[in-house]
PDB file of N, CA and C in Angstrom:
ATOM      1  N   MET A   1     -26.298  89.232  94.462  1.00  0.00           N
ATOM      2  CA  MET A   1     -26.253  90.651  94.175  1.00  0.00           C
ATOM      3  C   MET A   1     -27.682  91.179  94.193  1.00  0.00           C
ATOM      4  N   ALA A   2     -27.857  92.355  94.765  1.00  0.00           N
ATOM      5  CA  ALA A   2     -29.169  92.985  94.832  1.00  0.00           C
ATOM      6  C   ALA A   2     -29.183  94.224  93.952  1.00  0.00           C
ATOM      7  N   ILE A   3     -30.288  94.447  93.279  1.00  0.00           N
ATOM      8  CA  ILE A   3     -30.478  95.638  92.461  1.00  0.00           C
ATOM      9  C   ILE A   3     -31.452  96.550  93.211  1.00  0.00           C
ATOM     10  N   VAL A   4     -31.082  97.814  93.365  1.00  0.00           N
ATOM     11  CA  VAL A   4     -31.957  98.784  94.018  1.00  0.00           C
ATOM     12  C   VAL A   4     -32.177  99.954  93.074  1.00  0.00           C
ATOM     13  N   LYS A   5     -33.285 100.644  93.263  1.00  0.00           N
ATOM     14  CA  LYS A   5     -33.650 101.769  92.405  1.00  0.00           C
ATOM     15  C   LYS A   5     -33.493 103.071  93.178  1.00  0.00           C
ATOM     16  N   ILE A   6     -32.951 104.078  92.513  1.00  0.00           N
ATOM     17  CA  ILE A   6     -32.849 105.404  93.109  1.00  0.00           C
ATOM     18  C   ILE A   6     -34.209 106.078  92.956  1.00  0.00           C
ATOM     19  N   LYS A   7     -34.777 106.503  94.084  1.00  0.00           N
ATOM     20  CA  LYS A   7     -36.117 107.104  94.088  1.00  0.00           C
ATOM     21  C   LYS A   7     -36.019 108.613  94.224  1.00  0.00           C
ATOM     22  N   ASP A   8     -37.196 109.249  94.390  1.00  0.00           N
ATOM     23  CA  ASP A   8     -37.228 110.702  94.599  1.00  0.00           C
ATOM     24  C   ASP A   8     -36.274 111.064  95.724  1.00  0.00           C
ATOM     25  N   LYS A   9     -35.689 112.205  95.633  1.00  0.00           N
ATOM     26  CA  LYS A   9     -34.736 112.699  96.628  1.00  0.00           C
ATOM     27  C   LYS A   9     -33.511 111.795  96.730  1.00  0.00           C
ATOM     28  N   TYR A  10     -33.257 110.996  95.703  1.00  0.00           N
ATOM     29  CA  TYR A  10     -32.079 110.121  95.614  1.00  0.00           C
ATOM     30  C   TYR A  10     -31.993 109.100  96.742  1.00  0.00           C
ATOM     31  N   GLN A  11     -33.124 108.631  97.206  1.00  0.00           N
ATOM     32  CA  GLN A  11     -33.151 107.642  98.278  1.00  0.00           C
ATOM     33  C   GLN A  11     -33.129 106.239  97.684  1.00  0.00           C
ATOM     34  N   VAL A  12     -32.475 105.327  98.400  1.00  0.00           N
ATOM     35  CA  VAL A  12     -32.481 103.910  98.028  1.00  0.00           C
ATOM     36  C   VAL A  12     -32.877 103.097  99.256  1.00  0.00           C
ATOM     37  N   THR A  13     -33.486 101.958  99.026  1.00  0.00           N
ATOM     38  CA  THR A  13     -33.853 101.050 100.109  1.00  0.00           C
ATOM     39  C   THR A  13     -32.955  99.834 100.020  1.00  0.00           C
ATOM     40  N   LEU A  14     -32.296  99.510 101.126  1.00  0.00           N
ATOM     41  CA  LEU A  14     -31.451  98.325 101.156  1.00  0.00           C
ATOM     42  C   LEU A  14     -32.332  97.099 101.402  1.00  0.00           C
ATOM     43  N   PRO A  15     -32.206  96.070 100.583  1.00  0.00           N
ATOM     44  CA  PRO A  15     -33.022  94.870 100.773  1.00  0.00           C
ATOM     45  C   PRO A  15     -32.801  94.256 102.160  1.00  0.00           C
ATOM     46  N   ALA A  16     -33.850  93.643 102.699  1.00  0.00           N
ATOM     47  CA  ALA A  16     -33.825  93.072 104.045  1.00  0.00           C
ATOM     48  C   ALA A  16     -32.671  92.082 104.216  1.00  0.00           C
ATOM     49  N   LYS A  17     -32.432  91.256 103.216  1.00  0.00           N
ATOM     50  CA  LYS A  17     -31.357  90.252 103.342  1.00  0.00           C
ATOM     51  C   LYS A  17     -30.004  90.931 103.544  1.00  0.00           C
ATOM     52  N   LEU A  18     -29.745  92.009 102.807  1.00  0.00           N
ATOM     53  CA  LEU A  18     -28.469  92.724 102.956  1.00  0.00           C
ATOM     54  C   LEU A  18     -28.380  93.393 104.324  1.00  0.00           C
ATOM     55  N   ARG A  19     -29.489  93.998 104.762  1.00  0.00           N
ATOM     56  CA  ARG A  19     -29.491  94.645 106.081  1.00  0.00           C
ATOM     57  C   ARG A  19     -29.208  93.629 107.177  1.00  0.00           C
ATOM     58  N   GLU A  20     -29.833  92.467 107.069  1.00  0.00           N
ATOM     59  CA  GLU A  20     -29.628  91.422 108.075  1.00  0.00           C
ATOM     60  C   GLU A  20     -28.189  90.913 108.057  1.00  0.00           C
ATOM     61  N   GLU A  21     -27.641  90.669 106.865  1.00  0.00           N
ATOM     62  CA  GLU A  21     -26.264  90.173 106.753  1.00  0.00           C
ATOM     63  C   GLU A  21     -25.265  91.178 107.324  1.00  0.00           C
ATOM     64  N   ALA A  22     -25.553  92.469 107.155  1.00  0.00           N
ATOM     65  CA  ALA A  22     -24.651  93.509 107.652  1.00  0.00           C
ATOM     66  C   ALA A  22     -24.931  93.843 109.113  1.00  0.00           C
ATOM     67  N   GLY A  23     -26.037  93.319 109.658  1.00  0.00           N
ATOM     68  CA  GLY A  23     -26.378  93.593 111.049  1.00  0.00           C
ATOM     69  C   GLY A  23     -26.857  95.013 111.279  1.00  0.00           C
ATOM     70  N   LEU A  24     -27.513  95.590 110.275  1.00  0.00           N
ATOM     71  CA  LEU A  24     -27.971  96.976 110.380  1.00  0.00           C
ATOM     72  C   LEU A  24     -29.324  97.061 111.060  1.00  0.00           C
ATOM     73  N   GLU A  25     -29.506  98.130 111.829  1.00  0.00           N
ATOM     74  CA  GLU A  25     -30.772  98.404 112.500  1.00  0.00           C
ATOM     75  C   GLU A  25     -31.137  99.863 112.270  1.00  0.00           C
ATOM     76  N   ILE A  26     -32.382 100.193 112.511  1.00  0.00           N
ATOM     77  CA  ILE A  26     -32.833 101.574 112.375  1.00  0.00           C
ATOM     78  C   ILE A  26     -31.997 102.450 113.313  1.00  0.00           C
ATOM     79  N   GLY A  27     -31.519 103.555 112.793  1.00  0.00           N
ATOM     80  CA  GLY A  27     -30.707 104.471 113.587  1.00  0.00           C
ATOM     81  C   GLY A  27     -29.212 104.259 113.442  1.00  0.00           C
ATOM     82  N   ASP A  28     -28.801 103.142 112.808  1.00  0.00           N
ATOM     83  CA  ASP A  28     -27.375 102.911 112.597  1.00  0.00           C
ATOM     84  C   ASP A  28     -26.821 103.943 111.618  1.00  0.00           C
ATOM     85  N   LEU A  29     -25.550 104.178 111.707  1.00  0.00           N
ATOM     86  CA  LEU A  29     -24.871 105.129 110.835  1.00  0.00           C
ATOM     87  C   LEU A  29     -24.058 104.385 109.793  1.00  0.00           C
ATOM     88  N   LEU A  30     -24.066 104.915 108.564  1.00  0.00           N
ATOM     89  CA  LEU A  30     -23.267 104.359 107.475  1.00  0.00           C
ATOM     90  C   LEU A  30     -22.360 105.452 106.933  1.00  0.00           C
ATOM     91  N   GLU A  31     -21.139 105.072 106.607  1.00  0.00           N
ATOM     92  CA  GLU A  31     -20.218 105.999 105.957  1.00  0.00           C
ATOM     93  C   GLU A  31     -20.296 105.734 104.460  1.00  0.00           C
ATOM     94  N   ALA A  32     -20.553 106.770 103.662  1.00  0.00           N
ATOM     95  CA  ALA A  32     -20.647 106.635 102.212  1.00  0.00           C
ATOM     96  C   ALA A  32     -19.374 107.165 101.567  1.00  0.00           C
ATOM     97  N   ASP A  33     -18.871 106.421 100.572  1.00  0.00           N
ATOM     98  CA  ASP A  33     -17.646 106.827  99.887  1.00  0.00           C
ATOM     99  C   ASP A  33     -17.728 106.362  98.438  1.00  0.00           C
ATOM    100  N   VAL A  34     -16.967 107.003  97.567  1.00  0.00           N
ATOM    101  CA  VAL A  34     -16.918 106.623  96.155  1.00  0.00           C
ATOM    102  C   VAL A  34     -15.490 106.224  95.823  1.00  0.00           C
ATOM    103  N   HIS A  35     -15.329 105.042  95.235  1.00  0.00           N
ATOM    104  CA  HIS A  35     -14.021 104.533  94.798  1.00  0.00           C
ATOM    105  C   HIS A  35     -14.175 104.008  93.377  1.00  0.00           C
ATOM    106  N   GLY A  36     -13.481 104.625  92.442  1.00  0.00           N
ATOM    107  CA  GLY A  36     -13.504 104.151  91.067  1.00  0.00           C
ATOM    108  C   GLY A  36     -14.905 104.018  90.498  1.00  0.00           C
ATOM    109  N   GLY A  37     -15.787 104.961  90.793  1.00  0.00           N
ATOM    110  CA  GLY A  37     -17.139 104.937  90.270  1.00  0.00           C
ATOM    111  C   GLY A  37     -18.101 104.046  91.039  1.00  0.00           C
ATOM    112  N   LYS A  38     -17.622 103.401  92.108  1.00  0.00           N
ATOM    113  CA  LYS A  38     -18.476 102.540  92.930  1.00  0.00           C
ATOM    114  C   LYS A  38     -18.734 103.222  94.260  1.00  0.00           C
ATOM    115  N   ILE A  39     -19.986 103.169  94.699  1.00  0.00           N
ATOM    116  CA  ILE A  39     -20.361 103.730  95.990  1.00  0.00           C
ATOM    117  C   ILE A  39     -20.320 102.607  97.021  1.00  0.00           C
ATOM    118  N   THR A  40     -19.624 102.854  98.115  1.00  0.00           N
ATOM    119  CA  THR A  40     -19.589 101.865  99.195  1.00  0.00           C
ATOM    120  C   THR A  40     -20.209 102.478 100.449  1.00  0.00           C
ATOM    121  N   LEU A  41     -20.989 101.671 101.145  1.00  0.00           N
ATOM    122  CA  LEU A  41     -21.579 102.069 102.414  1.00  0.00           C
ATOM    123  C   LEU A  41     -20.974 101.181 103.479  1.00  0.00           C
ATOM    124  N   THR A  42     -20.351 101.795 104.471  1.00  0.00           N
ATOM    125  CA  THR A  42     -19.678 101.046 105.529  1.00  0.00           C
ATOM    126  C   THR A  42     -20.333 101.364 106.870  1.00  0.00           C
ATOM    127  N   PRO A  43     -20.856 100.331 107.559  1.00  0.00           N
ATOM    128  CA  PRO A  43     -21.432 100.590 108.876  1.00  0.00           C
ATOM    129  C   PRO A  43     -20.375 101.145 109.827  1.00  0.00           C
ATOM    130  N   LYS A  44     -20.769 102.148 110.603  1.00  0.00           N
ATOM    131  CA  LYS A  44     -19.867 102.700 111.602  1.00  0.00           C
ATOM    132  C   LYS A  44     -20.010 101.874 112.877  1.00  0.00           C
ATOM    133  N   HIS A  45     -19.061 101.981 113.752  1.00  0.00           N
ATOM    134  CA  HIS A  45     -19.055 101.201 114.981  1.00  0.00           C
ATOM    135  C   HIS A  45     -20.184 101.605 115.918  1.00  0.00           C
ATOM    136  N   LEU A  46     -20.553 100.704 116.794  1.00  0.00           N
ATOM    137  CA  LEU A  46     -21.610 100.937 117.766  1.00  0.00           C
ATOM    138  C   LEU A  46     -21.334 102.180 118.591  1.00  0.00           C
ATOM    139  N   VAL A  47     -20.076 102.485 118.826  1.00  0.00           N
ATOM    140  CA  VAL A  47     -19.705 103.660 119.608  1.00  0.00           C
ATOM    141  C   VAL A  47     -20.274 104.914 118.950  1.00  0.00           C
ATOM    142  N   ASP A  48     -20.257 104.984 117.623  1.00  0.00           N
ATOM    143  CA  ASP A  48     -20.777 106.149 116.918  1.00  0.00           C
ATOM    144  C   ASP A  48     -22.267 106.333 117.188  1.00  0.00           C
ATOM    145  N   ARG A  49     -23.026 105.234 117.177  1.00  0.00           N
ATOM    146  CA  ARG A  49     -24.458 105.319 117.428  1.00  0.00           C
ATOM    147  C   ARG A  49     -24.708 105.775 118.866  1.00  0.00           C
ATOM    148  N   GLU A  50     -23.967 105.228 119.801  1.00  0.00           N
ATOM    149  CA  GLU A  50     -24.126 105.612 121.200  1.00  0.00           C
ATOM    150  C   GLU A  50     -23.748 107.072 121.409  1.00  0.00           C
ATOM    151  N   LEU A  51     -22.721 107.529 120.721  1.00  0.00           N
ATOM    152  CA  LEU A  51     -22.317 108.933 120.818  1.00  0.00           C
ATOM    153  C   LEU A  51     -23.419 109.837 120.271  1.00  0.00           C
ATOM    154  N   ALA A  52     -24.024 109.450 119.156  1.00  0.00           N
ATOM    155  CA  ALA A  52     -25.115 110.241 118.579  1.00  0.00           C
ATOM    156  C   ALA A  52     -26.288 110.328 119.547  1.00  0.00           C
ATOM    157  N   LEU A  53     -26.621 109.216 120.199  1.00  0.00           N
ATOM    158  CA  LEU A  53     -27.706 109.227 121.182  1.00  0.00           C
ATOM    159  C   LEU A  53     -27.356 110.110 122.376  1.00  0.00           C
ATOM    160  N   ALA A  54     -26.115 110.052 122.818  1.00  0.00           N
ATOM    161  CA  ALA A  54     -25.679 110.880 123.940  1.00  0.00           C
ATOM    162  C   ALA A  54     -25.750 112.365 123.571  1.00  0.00           C
ATOM    163  N   LEU A  55     -25.359 112.707 122.355  1.00  0.00           N
ATOM    164  CA  LEU A  55     -25.426 114.096 121.920  1.00  0.00           C
ATOM    165  C   LEU A  55     -26.865 114.597 121.860  1.00  0.00           C
ATOM    166  N   GLN A  56     -27.805 113.713 121.495  1.00  0.00           N
ATOM    167  CA  GLN A  56     -29.223 114.093 121.521  1.00  0.00           C
ATOM    168  C   GLN A  56     -29.641 114.450 122.941  1.00  0.00           C
ATOM    169  N   ASP A  57     -29.188 113.661 123.909  1.00  0.00           N
ATOM    170  CA  ASP A  57     -29.503 113.958 125.308  1.00  0.00           C
ATOM    171  C   ASP A  57     -28.966 115.326 125.709  1.00  0.00           C
ATOM    172  N   VAL A  58     -27.751 115.630 125.321  1.00  0.00           N
ATOM    173  CA  VAL A  58     -27.149 116.921 125.665  1.00  0.00           C
ATOM    174  C   VAL A  58     -27.946 118.051 125.033  1.00  0.00           C
ATOM    175  N   ARG A  59     -28.298 117.911 123.765  1.00  0.00           N
ATOM    176  CA  ARG A  59     -29.060 118.964 123.080  1.00  0.00           C
ATOM    177  C   ARG A  59     -30.429 119.182 123.710  1.00  0.00           C
ATOM    178  N   ARG A  60     -31.015 118.137 124.260  1.00  0.00           N
ATOM    179  CA  ARG A  60     -32.341 118.242 124.877  1.00  0.00           C
ATOM    180  C   ARG A  60     -32.266 118.606 126.361  1.00  0.00           C
ATOM    181  N   GLY A  61     -31.048 118.832 126.838  1.00  0.00           N
ATOM    182  CA  GLY A  61     -30.881 119.262 128.222  1.00  0.00           C
ATOM    183  C   GLY A  61     -30.991 118.144 129.243  1.00  0.00           C
ATOM    184  N   ARG A  62     -30.883 116.905 128.809  1.00  0.00           N
ATOM    185  CA  ARG A  62     -30.970 115.771 129.735  1.00  0.00           C
ATOM    186  C   ARG A  62     -29.579 115.406 130.243  1.00  0.00           C
ATOM    187  N   VAL A  63     -28.989 116.355 130.965  1.00  0.00           N
ATOM    188  CA  VAL A  63     -27.648 116.149 131.512  1.00  0.00           C
ATOM    189  C   VAL A  63     -27.616 116.654 132.950  1.00  0.00           C
ATOM    190  N   THR A  64     -26.637 116.212 133.690  1.00  0.00           N
ATOM    191  CA  THR A  64     -26.415 116.718 135.044  1.00  0.00           C
ATOM    192  C   THR A  64     -24.944 117.053 135.181  1.00  0.00           C
ATOM    193  N   GLY A  65     -24.630 117.768 136.242  1.00  0.00           N
ATOM    194  CA  GLY A  65     -23.231 118.102 136.470  1.00  0.00           C
ATOM    195  C   GLY A  65     -22.950 119.504 135.991  1.00  0.00           C
ATOM    196  N   PRO A  66     -21.724 119.922 135.957  1.00  0.00           N
ATOM    197  CA  PRO A  66     -20.516 119.167 136.279  1.00  0.00           C
ATOM    198  C   PRO A  66     -20.362 118.955 137.780  1.00  0.00           C
ATOM    199  N   TYR A  67     -19.571 117.992 138.121  1.00  0.00           N
ATOM    200  CA  TYR A  67     -19.332 117.642 139.517  1.00  0.00           C
ATOM    201  C   TYR A  67     -17.891 117.961 139.883  1.00  0.00           C
ATOM    202  N   SER A  68     -17.692 118.287 141.146  1.00  0.00           N
ATOM    203  CA  SER A  68     -16.351 118.642 141.608  1.00  0.00           C
ATOM    204  C   SER A  68     -15.466 117.411 141.786  1.00  0.00           C
ATOM    205  N   SER A  69     -16.099 116.247 141.953  1.00  0.00           N
ATOM    206  CA  SER A  69     -15.319 115.016 142.142  1.00  0.00           C
ATOM    207  C   SER A  69     -16.173 113.808 141.787  1.00  0.00           C
ATOM    208  N   ALA A  70     -15.533 112.660 141.731  1.00  0.00           N
ATOM    209  CA  ALA A  70     -16.257 111.415 141.473  1.00  0.00           C
ATOM    210  C   ALA A  70     -17.224 111.121 142.615  1.00  0.00           C
ATOM    211  N   LYS A  71     -16.821 111.434 143.839  1.00  0.00           N
ATOM    212  CA  LYS A  71     -17.701 111.213 144.991  1.00  0.00           C
ATOM    213  C   LYS A  71     -18.973 112.048 144.862  1.00  0.00           C
ATOM    214  N   ALA A  72     -18.833 113.282 144.419  1.00  0.00           N
ATOM    215  CA  ALA A  72     -20.004 114.151 144.243  1.00  0.00           C
ATOM    216  C   ALA A  72     -20.936 113.592 143.170  1.00  0.00           C
ATOM    217  N   ALA A  73     -20.370 113.055 142.112  1.00  0.00           N
ATOM    218  CA  ALA A  73     -21.180 112.458 141.045  1.00  0.00           C
ATOM    219  C   ALA A  73     -21.932 111.242 141.566  1.00  0.00           C
ATOM    220  N   LEU A  74     -21.259 110.404 142.346  1.00  0.00           N
ATOM    221  CA  LEU A  74     -21.917 109.223 142.917  1.00  0.00           C
ATOM    222  C   LEU A  74     -23.047 109.604 143.867  1.00  0.00           C
ATOM    223  N   ARG A  75     -22.817 110.629 144.677  1.00  0.00           N
ATOM    224  CA  ARG A  75     -23.869 111.099 145.584  1.00  0.00           C
ATOM    225  C   ARG A  75     -25.106 111.540 144.794  1.00  0.00           C
ATOM    226  N   ALA A  76     -24.877 112.276 143.704  1.00  0.00           N
ATOM    227  CA  ALA A  76     -25.990 112.763 142.880  1.00  0.00           C
ATOM    228  C   ALA A  76     -26.739 111.590 142.253  1.00  0.00           C
ATOM    229  N   LEU A  77     -26.008 110.580 141.787  1.00  0.00           N
ATOM    230  CA  LEU A  77     -26.656 109.409 141.209  1.00  0.00           C
ATOM    231  C   LEU A  77     -27.497 108.662 142.237  1.00  0.00           C
ATOM    232  N   LYS A  78     -26.979 108.540 143.432  1.00  0.00           N
ATOM    233  CA  LYS A  78     -27.720 107.849 144.496  1.00  0.00           C
ATOM    234  C   LYS A  78     -28.988 108.616 144.840  1.00  0.00           C
ATOM    235  N   ARG A  79     -28.905 109.949 144.866  1.00  0.00           N
ATOM    236  CA  ARG A  79     -30.101 110.765 145.143  1.00  0.00           C
ATOM    237  C   ARG A  79     -31.144 110.598 144.056  1.00  0.00           C
ATOM    238  N   ARG A  80     -30.722 110.547 142.812  1.00  0.00           N
ATOM    239  CA  ARG A  80     -31.656 110.395 141.695  1.00  0.00           C
ATOM    240  C   ARG A  80     -32.336 109.032 141.718  1.00  0.00           C
ATOM    241  N   ARG A  81     -31.620 108.025 142.211  1.00  0.00           N
ATOM    242  CA  ARG A  81     -32.143 106.668 142.249  1.00  0.00           C
ATOM    243  C   ARG A  81     -33.332 106.562 143.211  1.00  0.00           C
ATOM    244  N   ARG A  82     -33.308 107.350 144.273  1.00  0.00           N
ATOM    245  CA  ARG A  82     -34.383 107.326 145.283  1.00  0.00           C
ATOM    246  C   ARG A  82     -35.596 107.878 144.683  1.00  0.00           C
TER     247      ARG A  82
END
């Protein structure tokens, strides 16, 4: 069991051993919930992290398309590769 302290702005630091056991990395998402006075943090699936990164790309304008067909999308990708 690990003991953590609530700091300014109600932040807590998860000990390295717990982060490693849970497979957490910087940028991962956790779902926080309260059950019977206990706070649980549940790692979200990798898909959630990838979706968040994709949404950042959209917000920053790093997108192409829309395309009229799959063939048109492939042509655009081939042009970008050159």
